[in-house]
């Protein structure tokens, strides 16, 4: 366990995400904030960045496709 300090505004925002009085703040953080390195974290980053230019989008898609092509099939 760790103790953290939040100002009143941050506390109220976190509290607003709770689904009920029985849900812990730890559960809220785990549910709402994606773990680093996950697809959820990547999606959050892309959404926060707004519209990227077409050239960067194409480079990213190419890199993903290349990586997917060399990835081994786990079922073989």
Protein backbone atom coordinates (compact mmCIF):
# COMPACT_ATOMS: atom_id res chain seq x y z
CA UNK A 1 0.00 0.00 0.00
CA UNK A 2 1.06 3.57 -0.70
CA UNK A 3 -0.28 6.84 0.62
CA UNK A 4 -0.85 9.62 -1.90
CA UNK A 5 -1.98 13.21 -1.50
CA UNK A 6 -4.61 14.78 -3.74
CA UNK A 7 -5.94 18.30 -3.70
CA UNK A 8 -9.68 18.68 -3.25
CA UNK A 9 -10.42 19.03 -6.98
CA UNK A 10 -8.44 15.89 -7.86
CA UNK A 11 -10.12 13.95 -5.06
CA UNK A 12 -13.58 14.97 -6.29
CA UNK A 13 -12.73 13.88 -9.85
CA UNK A 14 -11.49 10.49 -8.65
CA UNK A 15 -14.50 10.09 -6.36
CA UNK A 16 -16.86 10.83 -9.29
CA UNK A 17 -15.50 7.74 -11.12
CA UNK A 18 -16.48 5.41 -8.29
CA UNK A 19 -19.34 3.08 -9.22
CA UNK A 20 -20.54 2.82 -5.65
CA UNK A 21 -19.50 3.23 -2.05
CA UNK A 22 -18.00 -0.28 -2.01
CA UNK A 23 -15.54 0.32 -4.87
CA UNK A 24 -12.08 1.30 -3.70
CA UNK A 25 -10.05 4.13 -5.18
CA UNK A 26 -7.45 1.54 -6.20
CA UNK A 27 -10.10 -0.26 -8.25
CA UNK A 28 -11.13 3.01 -9.89
CA UNK A 29 -7.53 3.82 -10.89
CA UNK A 30 -6.98 0.30 -12.30
CA UNK A 31 -10.26 0.49 -14.25
CA UNK A 32 -9.86 4.02 -15.63
CA UNK A 33 -6.11 4.42 -16.21
CA UNK A 34 -4.58 1.98 -18.70
CA UNK A 35 -1.34 0.23 -17.77
CA UNK A 36 1.72 1.61 -19.61
CA UNK A 37 2.58 -0.31 -22.76
CA UNK A 38 -0.97 -1.56 -23.35
CA UNK A 39 -3.19 -0.92 -26.32
CA UNK A 40 -5.38 1.18 -24.03
CA UNK A 41 -2.43 3.42 -23.18
CA UNK A 42 -1.56 3.77 -26.84
CA UNK A 43 -5.16 4.63 -27.73
CA UNK A 44 -5.29 7.25 -24.96
CA UNK A 45 -2.07 8.80 -26.27
CA UNK A 46 -3.35 8.93 -29.86
CA UNK A 47 -6.68 10.43 -28.78
CA UNK A 48 -4.92 13.07 -26.67
CA UNK A 49 -2.57 13.96 -29.54
CA UNK A 50 -5.47 14.77 -31.84
CA UNK A 51 -5.20 14.41 -35.58
CA UNK A 52 -1.78 13.31 -36.76
CA UNK A 53 -0.58 14.08 -40.25
CA UNK A 54 -1.13 11.53 -43.01
CA UNK A 55 2.61 10.86 -43.49
CA UNK A 56 3.08 9.92 -39.83
CA UNK A 57 -0.07 7.79 -39.93
CA UNK A 58 1.28 5.90 -42.97
CA UNK A 59 4.67 5.33 -41.29
CA UNK A 60 3.01 3.99 -38.16
CA UNK A 61 0.74 1.67 -40.15
CA UNK A 62 3.73 0.40 -42.13
CA UNK A 63 5.69 -0.31 -38.94
CA UNK A 64 2.74 -2.18 -37.43
CA UNK A 65 2.25 -4.25 -40.58
CA UNK A 66 5.95 -5.13 -40.74
CA UNK A 67 5.97 -6.19 -37.10
CA UNK A 68 2.83 -8.26 -37.57
CA UNK A 69 4.36 -10.05 -40.55
CA UNK A 70 7.38 -11.30 -38.57
CA UNK A 71 5.46 -12.24 -35.45
CA UNK A 72 5.28 -15.98 -34.94
CA UNK A 73 1.98 -17.81 -34.91
CA UNK A 74 1.55 -19.08 -31.31
CA UNK A 75 -0.60 -21.99 -32.51
CA UNK A 76 2.07 -23.61 -34.69
